[in-house]
């Protein structure tokens, strides 16, 4: 089958999630056209197709809005999944963004002979001066290789990307593997729907109240960091958390040796913002277990020697970038994890017109900042090229 070739005067943006939409909108207001390629049939496919029903933004809405368009004033502090999706649709309409849907990028490579990127899909090759990678940190579900998983045939093993609601697990014994924000929230959802819930806590984890001293914990942290060193802010957060939540190690949630903000800066690991799961753990409604040693036909053996039966296992084991599978480049992006080699805020720009948005490990706020930087940088090149074309044609 003959591949169709399309010349794109502006950048090609791969991914129509919040980051891709933000980059396209920032470019558009500067007069720079772009083409957005999206593998699914809708914008924000992660949010629309692969998130659980009760999900809401973990941070206040003012830290999650995209450039040039705030959330509606009537939205709550923490918008629901449906409200956020509505906001993204309104954002796309506001800036007249029309992605090319069901267009999976199979490869993208810079062609030195012509000085352009060749972005290939199943049917089309796009040629462009600038390539914006907006597929994000959460492109593919991570499914760990737990010993014996293939033997577990009593019930269901699903990743949270396929989990909708705890209603389907009422009265069932369910094990949640993973204790990040998603694992904690799914555990709470299961418990509230009458499931007998157990959560695996393999590593040390920071659990903080979502709000403290009448403000969001995130917002308070950002404000304190303007005036105080990170280590001091960390000590403050842990002190207030101890007062509000108690000693979490007594219920099996041991804290890391370094503070939550320092850990986030060093590893990208986000602290858990508690929305009620901790009280269920304290009451015994949600049980805590250590790492899994192996899975068996009817249940699970843990590293402490306990063996328990379960009807279902939910894998809250996160996502990863898929960039190395299609982008033929290794300077901006690491081939190991598919993330920019330089940490935020310096990982947004590579060589030869290559950019990254949505990989900051700083949430939607980081994506918005990177989108603004990218648009400004491309706009400078766009204007200089337009001037050259004008003089060469005169």
Protein backbone atom coordinates (compact mmCIF):
# COMPACT_ATOMS: atom_id res chain seq x y z
CA UNK A 1 0.00 0.00 0.00
CA UNK A 2 1.37 3.39 -1.04
CA UNK A 3 2.10 5.72 1.91
CA UNK A 4 0.55 9.15 1.60
CA UNK A 5 3.00 12.01 2.20
CA UNK A 6 1.88 15.24 3.88
CA UNK A 7 3.97 18.39 4.31
CA UNK A 8 3.16 20.19 7.57
CA UNK A 9 4.34 23.83 7.61
CA UNK A 10 4.16 24.00 11.43
CA UNK A 11 4.90 21.38 14.09
CA UNK A 12 3.45 17.90 14.36
CA UNK A 13 2.21 17.18 17.88
CA UNK A 14 1.96 13.51 18.85
CA UNK A 15 -0.76 13.04 21.45
CA UNK A 16 -4.09 14.80 22.07
CA UNK A 17 -4.08 14.64 25.85
CA UNK A 18 -4.03 17.78 28.01
CA UNK A 19 -0.35 18.40 27.20
CA UNK A 20 -0.79 18.13 23.45
CA UNK A 21 -3.87 20.35 23.52
CA UNK A 22 -2.03 22.94 25.62
CA UNK A 23 0.92 23.02 23.22
CA UNK A 24 -1.37 23.35 20.17
CA UNK A 25 -3.38 26.16 21.79
CA UNK A 26 -0.26 28.11 22.79
CA UNK A 27 1.06 27.79 19.25
CA UNK A 28 -2.26 28.79 17.71
CA UNK A 29 -2.55 32.09 19.59
CA UNK A 30 0.90 32.97 18.19
CA UNK A 31 -0.27 32.22 14.68
CA UNK A 32 1.65 28.96 14.32
CA UNK A 33 -0.48 26.13 12.85
CA UNK A 34 0.05 22.54 13.97
CA UNK A 35 -1.20 19.03 13.29
CA UNK A 36 -2.13 16.87 16.29
CA UNK A 37 -1.91 13.10 15.79
CA UNK A 38 -3.86 10.93 18.23
CA UNK A 39 -3.87 7.13 18.27
CA UNK A 40 -7.34 6.82 19.84
CA UNK A 41 -10.68 8.16 18.70
CA UNK A 42 -10.96 10.99 21.23
CA UNK A 43 -9.01 13.65 23.09
CA UNK A 44 -7.61 12.82 26.54
CA UNK A 45 -8.00 9.08 25.99
CA UNK A 46 -6.33 8.25 29.31
CA UNK A 47 -8.97 10.25 31.16
CA UNK A 48 -11.90 9.13 29.03
CA UNK A 49 -11.09 5.46 28.51
CA UNK A 50 -8.63 4.31 31.18
CA UNK A 51 -9.55 5.90 34.50
CA UNK A 52 -11.91 4.78 37.25
CA UNK A 53 -15.29 6.39 37.80
CA UNK A 54 -14.68 8.13 41.13
CA UNK A 55 -11.45 9.83 40.02
CA UNK A 56 -11.10 13.53 40.63
CA UNK A 57 -8.16 15.89 40.37
CA UNK A 58 -5.78 15.32 43.26
CA UNK A 59 -4.70 18.97 43.28
CA UNK A 60 -6.86 22.13 43.43
CA UNK A 61 -8.16 23.29 40.07
CA UNK A 62 -6.02 26.44 39.98
CA UNK A 63 -2.93 24.22 39.77
CA UNK A 64 -4.43 22.11 36.96
CA UNK A 65 -5.79 24.60 34.45
CA UNK A 66 -4.32 24.77 30.97
CA UNK A 67 -2.88 28.00 29.55
CA UNK A 68 -5.23 30.86 28.74
CA UNK A 69 -8.40 29.22 30.05
CA UNK A 70 -9.30 28.83 33.73
CA UNK A 71 -11.80 26.30 35.01
CA UNK A 72 -15.42 27.48 35.30
CA UNK A 73 -15.96 29.29 38.60
CA UNK A 74 -18.77 26.92 39.61
CA UNK A 75 -16.49 23.88 39.43
CA UNK A 76 -15.50 22.51 42.87
CA UNK A 77 -11.96 22.85 44.20
CA UNK A 78 -11.20 19.30 43.05
CA UNK A 79 -13.10 18.75 39.77
CA UNK A 80 -14.40 15.27 39.02
CA UNK A 81 -13.26 13.18 36.09
CA UNK A 82 -16.37 14.14 34.11
CA UNK A 83 -15.88 17.83 34.84
CA UNK A 84 -12.25 17.72 33.78
CA UNK A 85 -13.16 15.96 30.52
CA UNK A 86 -15.85 18.60 29.88
CA UNK A 87 -13.22 21.28 30.50
CA UNK A 88 -10.85 19.68 27.96
CA UNK A 89 -13.60 19.49 25.33
CA UNK A 90 -14.37 23.16 25.95
CA UNK A 91 -10.66 23.95 25.67
CA UNK A 92 -10.42 22.21 22.30
CA UNK A 93 -13.49 24.12 21.08
CA UNK A 94 -12.19 27.43 22.42
CA UNK A 95 -9.00 27.18 20.38
CA UNK A 96 -10.54 25.27 17.46
CA UNK A 97 -8.27 22.27 17.87
CA UNK A 98 -9.09 19.33 15.59
CA UNK A 99 -6.74 16.36 16.11
CA UNK A 100 -6.36 13.64 13.50
CA UNK A 101 -7.87 10.70 15.38
CA UNK A 102 -7.07 6.98 15.04
CA UNK A 103 -3.63 7.89 13.70
CA UNK A 104 -1.00 5.83 15.50
CA UNK A 105 2.58 7.02 15.05
CA UNK A 106 4.76 4.02 14.24
CA UNK A 107 8.05 5.88 13.91
CA UNK A 108 9.51 9.38 13.91
CA UNK A 109 13.02 10.10 12.71
CA UNK A 110 14.97 13.18 11.72
CA UNK A 111 16.18 13.09 8.12
CA UNK A 112 19.46 15.00 7.92
CA UNK A 113 19.45 15.01 4.12
CA UNK A 114 16.32 17.16 3.89
CA UNK A 115 16.37 18.76 7.36
CA UNK A 116 12.91 17.59 8.40
CA UNK A 117 11.28 15.05 10.69
CA UNK A 118 9.62 12.06 9.07
CA UNK A 119 6.64 11.03 11.20
CA UNK A 120 5.15 7.79 9.90
CA UNK A 121 1.75 6.33 10.71
CA UNK A 122 0.07 3.28 9.19
CA UNK A 123 -1.08 5.20 6.11
CA UNK A 124 0.72 8.54 6.10
CA UNK A 125 4.17 10.09 6.35
CA UNK A 126 4.19 13.62 7.77
CA UNK A 127 7.16 15.90 7.06
CA UNK A 128 7.76 18.76 9.49
CA UNK A 129 10.45 21.08 10.85
CA UNK A 130 9.30 20.70 14.46
CA UNK A 131 8.13 17.64 16.37
CA UNK A 132 6.38 17.95 19.75
CA UNK A 133 6.18 14.70 21.72
CA UNK A 134 3.07 14.87 23.91
CA UNK A 135 2.35 11.20 24.56
CA UNK A 136 3.22 11.73 28.22
CA UNK A 137 4.44 9.69 31.15
CA UNK A 138 1.31 7.51 31.22
CA UNK A 139 1.08 6.08 27.71
CA UNK A 140 1.22 2.37 28.58
CA UNK A 141 0.05 0.42 31.62
CA UNK A 142 2.77 -1.25 33.69
CA UNK A 143 1.93 -4.88 34.46
CA UNK A 144 4.53 -6.40 36.81
CA UNK A 145 5.78 -9.93 36.39
CA UNK A 146 4.53 -11.40 39.67
CA UNK A 147 5.63 -15.02 40.08
CA UNK A 148 2.70 -17.39 39.59
CA UNK A 149 0.35 -14.80 38.12
CA UNK A 150 -0.54 -17.13 35.27
CA UNK A 151 -1.64 -19.77 37.83
CA UNK A 152 -4.17 -17.48 39.51
CA UNK A 153 -7.37 -18.68 37.88
CA UNK A 154 -9.85 -18.29 40.70
CA UNK A 155 -10.72 -14.76 39.81
CA UNK A 156 -9.78 -11.61 37.97
CA UNK A 157 -6.45 -9.83 37.55
CA UNK A 158 -6.90 -6.36 36.05
CA UNK A 159 -4.88 -3.18 35.83
CA UNK A 160 -6.49 0.01 37.13
CA UNK A 161 -6.68 1.20 33.49
CA UNK A 162 -9.51 -1.35 33.12
CA UNK A 163 -11.11 -0.74 36.52
CA UNK A 164 -14.31 1.27 36.58
CA UNK A 165 -16.05 0.91 39.92
CA UNK A 166 -16.01 -1.23 43.04
CA UNK A 167 -19.65 -2.11 42.45
CA UNK A 168 -18.59 -5.15 40.40
CA UNK A 169 -16.61 -6.48 43.37
CA UNK A 170 -19.22 -6.26 46.12
CA UNK A 171 -18.68 -8.97 48.80
CA UNK A 172 -15.55 -10.20 47.00
CA UNK A 173 -12.07 -10.49 48.50
CA UNK A 174 -9.94 -8.05 46.51
CA UNK A 175 -6.20 -7.41 46.68
CA UNK A 176 -4.92 -4.04 45.43
CA UNK A 177 -1.26 -4.09 44.40
CA UNK A 178 0.27 -0.63 44.68
CA UNK A 179 -0.07 2.13 47.25
CA UNK A 180 0.21 5.34 45.24
CA UNK A 181 -2.68 7.76 44.90
CA UNK A 182 -4.51 5.42 42.50
CA UNK A 183 -4.02 2.34 44.68
CA UNK A 184 -5.22 4.15 47.78
CA UNK A 185 -8.25 5.63 46.00
CA UNK A 186 -9.25 2.35 44.35
CA UNK A 187 -8.95 0.61 47.73
CA UNK A 188 -11.30 3.19 49.25
CA UNK A 189 -13.72 2.79 46.35
CA UNK A 190 -13.74 -0.99 46.75
CA UNK A 191 -14.29 -0.71 50.48
CA UNK A 192 -17.15 1.75 50.04
CA UNK A 193 -18.79 -0.70 47.64
CA UNK A 194 -18.69 -3.56 50.12
CA UNK A 195 -15.59 -5.42 48.94
CA UNK A 196 -13.27 -7.07 51.47
CA UNK A 197 -10.20 -5.02 50.57
CA UNK A 198 -6.50 -5.59 51.16
CA UNK A 199 -3.72 -3.35 49.85
CA UNK A 200 -0.10 -4.32 49.21
CA UNK A 201 2.38 -1.78 50.55
CA UNK A 202 5.76 -2.95 49.32
CA UNK A 203 7.84 0.19 49.78
CA UNK A 204 7.98 3.13 52.14
CA UNK A 205 5.42 5.79 51.29
CA UNK A 206 4.62 9.35 52.36
CA UNK A 207 0.95 9.87 53.13
CA UNK A 208 -0.09 13.49 53.69
CA UNK A 209 -3.51 15.02 54.37
CA UNK A 210 -4.93 16.55 51.20
CA UNK A 211 -5.46 19.76 53.11
CA UNK A 212 -3.81 21.25 56.18
CA UNK A 213 -4.29 24.52 58.06
CA UNK A 214 -7.27 25.35 55.87
CA UNK A 215 -5.31 25.19 52.61
CA UNK A 216 -4.45 22.49 50.09
CA UNK A 217 -1.26 20.74 51.12
CA UNK A 218 0.18 21.26 47.65
CA UNK A 219 -0.65 24.95 47.58
CA UNK A 220 0.71 25.48 51.08
CA UNK A 221 3.92 23.66 50.12
CA UNK A 222 4.42 25.81 47.02
CA UNK A 223 3.88 28.98 49.07
CA UNK A 224 6.31 27.90 51.81
CA UNK A 225 8.98 27.01 49.24
CA UNK A 226 9.08 30.67 48.20
CA UNK A 227 10.48 31.55 51.61
CA UNK A 228 12.02 28.43 53.15
CA UNK A 229 14.48 25.67 52.08
CA UNK A 230 12.92 22.41 50.93
CA UNK A 231 14.26 20.49 53.94
CA UNK A 232 12.51 22.91 56.32
CA UNK A 233 9.22 22.66 54.42
CA UNK A 234 9.50 18.87 54.48
CA UNK A 235 9.95 18.86 58.24
CA UNK A 236 6.93 21.13 58.62
CA UNK A 237 4.76 18.89 56.40
CA UNK A 238 5.76 15.78 58.31
CA UNK A 239 5.14 17.46 61.67
CA UNK A 240 1.62 18.57 60.72
CA UNK A 241 0.90 15.19 59.09
CA UNK A 242 1.91 13.42 62.30
CA UNK A 243 -0.48 15.62 64.27
CA UNK A 244 -3.34 15.05 61.83
CA UNK A 245 -2.81 11.44 60.76
CA UNK A 246 -0.82 9.94 63.59
CA UNK A 247 2.12 7.59 63.21
CA UNK A 248 1.41 5.80 59.92
CA UNK A 249 4.10 3.18 60.54
CA UNK A 250 1.82 1.67 63.21
CA UNK A 251 -0.61 0.64 60.45
CA UNK A 252 2.03 -0.65 58.03
CA UNK A 253 2.74 2.56 56.13
CA UNK A 254 6.39 3.32 56.82
CA UNK A 255 7.75 6.67 55.70
CA UNK A 256 10.88 7.04 53.51
CA UNK A 257 14.04 8.36 55.13
CA UNK A 258 13.87 11.60 53.15
CA UNK A 259 11.02 14.12 53.08
CA UNK A 260 8.13 14.11 50.59
CA UNK A 261 9.25 17.13 48.56
CA UNK A 262 12.86 16.01 48.39
CA UNK A 263 11.76 12.52 47.35
CA UNK A 264 9.56 14.02 44.63
CA UNK A 265 12.44 16.16 43.37
CA UNK A 266 14.91 13.26 43.32
CA UNK A 267 12.78 10.41 42.02
CA UNK A 268 9.51 11.88 40.78
CA UNK A 269 7.61 9.77 43.34
CA UNK A 270 4.52 11.70 44.41
CA UNK A 271 3.31 11.59 48.02
CA UNK A 272 -0.14 10.14 48.62
CA UNK A 273 -2.76 12.77 49.44
CA UNK A 274 -5.23 11.05 51.74
CA UNK A 275 -8.94 11.36 50.95
CA UNK A 276 -10.23 8.88 53.53
CA UNK A 277 -8.34 5.65 52.91
CA UNK A 278 -6.24 6.03 56.05
CA UNK A 279 -9.26 6.00 58.35
CA UNK A 280 -10.45 2.77 56.68
CA UNK A 281 -7.04 1.22 57.28
CA UNK A 282 -7.07 2.31 60.93
CA UNK A 283 -10.54 0.83 61.42
CA UNK A 284 -9.49 -2.46 59.84
CA UNK A 285 -11.90 -2.15 56.93
CA UNK A 286 -8.88 -2.11 54.61
CA UNK A 287 -6.04 -4.46 55.50
CA UNK A 288 -2.38 -3.80 54.73
CA UNK A 289 0.01 -6.51 53.58
CA UNK A 290 3.70 -6.50 52.56
CA UNK A 291 5.09 -7.42 49.13
CA UNK A 292 3.83 -10.47 47.26
CA UNK A 293 6.13 -13.49 47.16
CA UNK A 294 4.03 -15.41 44.66
CA UNK A 295 0.52 -15.89 43.38
CA UNK A 296 -1.15 -19.28 43.42
CA UNK A 297 -4.26 -20.87 41.97
CA UNK A 298 -6.57 -19.63 44.74
CA UNK A 299 -4.67 -16.81 46.36
CA UNK A 300 -1.45 -15.08 47.27
CA UNK A 301 1.58 -15.76 49.46
CA UNK A 302 3.19 -12.67 50.96
CA UNK A 303 6.84 -12.20 51.89
CA UNK A 304 5.97 -12.48 55.60
CA UNK A 305 4.75 -16.05 55.02
CA UNK A 306 1.01 -15.37 55.17
CA UNK A 307 -1.18 -17.06 52.56
CA UNK A 308 -4.62 -15.64 51.80
CA UNK A 309 -7.35 -16.35 49.28
CA UNK A 310 -8.61 -13.62 46.94
CA UNK A 311 -11.31 -13.42 44.29
CA UNK A 312 -9.67 -10.59 42.36
CA UNK A 313 -6.40 -8.68 42.10
CA UNK A 314 -6.28 -5.04 40.99
CA UNK A 315 -2.90 -3.85 39.73
CA UNK A 316 -2.42 -0.19 40.69
CA UNK A 317 1.11 -0.39 39.32
CA UNK A 318 1.14 2.75 37.23
CA UNK A 319 2.09 3.65 33.70
CA UNK A 320 5.16 4.35 31.61
CA UNK A 321 6.21 6.30 28.55
CA UNK A 322 6.13 4.54 25.17
CA UNK A 323 8.45 7.01 23.42
CA UNK A 324 11.37 4.55 22.86
CA UNK A 325 9.07 2.28 20.84
CA UNK A 326 8.56 4.85 18.07
CA UNK A 327 10.93 7.85 18.37
CA UNK A 328 14.31 7.22 16.76
CA UNK A 329 16.25 9.62 18.99
CA UNK A 330 18.24 9.23 22.18
CA UNK A 331 19.57 12.69 23.07
CA UNK A 332 16.48 14.34 24.56
CA UNK A 333 14.76 11.13 25.66
CA UNK A 334 16.28 8.26 27.62
CA UNK A 335 15.95 4.91 25.86
CA UNK A 336 15.61 3.27 29.28
CA UNK A 337 12.45 4.91 30.60
CA UNK A 338 11.30 7.11 27.71
CA UNK A 339 11.55 10.29 29.78
CA UNK A 340 13.65 13.41 29.12
CA UNK A 341 17.21 13.00 30.34
CA UNK A 342 17.19 16.47 31.92
CA UNK A 343 14.81 17.04 34.84
CA UNK A 344 12.09 19.69 34.89
CA UNK A 345 12.25 22.55 34.00
CA UNK A 346 15.02 21.77 31.49
CA UNK A 347 13.67 18.70 29.70
CA UNK A 348 11.33 20.40 27.25
CA UNK A 349 13.72 21.08 24.35
CA UNK A 350 16.00 18.86 22.33
CA UNK A 351 17.95 19.31 19.09
CA UNK A 352 16.74 19.76 15.50
CA UNK A 353 13.28 21.04 16.45
CA UNK A 354 12.37 18.28 18.92
CA UNK A 355 10.29 19.14 21.99
CA UNK A 356 8.71 17.31 24.93
CA UNK A 357 5.55 18.28 26.84
CA UNK A 358 3.84 16.26 29.56
CA UNK A 359 6.98 14.58 30.89
CA UNK A 360 7.85 17.00 33.68
CA UNK A 361 6.67 14.83 36.61
CA UNK A 362 5.14 18.09 37.76
CA UNK A 363 1.55 17.37 36.73
CA UNK A 364 -0.65 19.61 34.63
CA UNK A 365 1.08 22.69 35.99
CA UNK A 366 4.39 21.45 34.58
CA UNK A 367 2.75 20.61 31.25
CA UNK A 368 1.32 24.13 30.99
CA UNK A 369 4.69 25.73 31.69
CA UNK A 370 6.40 23.53 29.10
CA UNK A 371 3.68 24.24 26.51
CA UNK A 372 4.22 27.98 26.90
CA UNK A 373 8.01 27.60 26.55
CA UNK A 374 7.67 25.40 23.48
CA UNK A 375 5.26 27.77 21.74
CA UNK A 376 7.52 30.75 22.41
CA UNK A 377 10.58 28.92 21.09
CA UNK A 378 8.89 27.61 17.94
CA UNK A 379 7.33 31.01 17.31
CA UNK A 380 10.79 32.60 17.13
CA UNK A 381 11.90 30.05 14.53
CA UNK A 382 8.59 30.35 12.67
CA UNK A 383 8.96 34.13 12.36
CA UNK A 384 12.59 33.94 11.23
CA UNK A 385 11.73 31.33 8.57
CA UNK A 386 8.76 33.44 7.41
CA UNK A 387 11.06 36.45 7.04
CA UNK A 388 13.55 34.43 5.02
CA UNK A 389 10.78 33.15 2.75
CA UNK A 390 9.48 36.71 2.28
CA UNK A 391 12.91 38.09 1.27
CA UNK A 392 13.72 35.11 -0.97
CA UNK A 393 10.47 35.53 -2.88
CA UNK A 394 10.89 39.30 -3.37
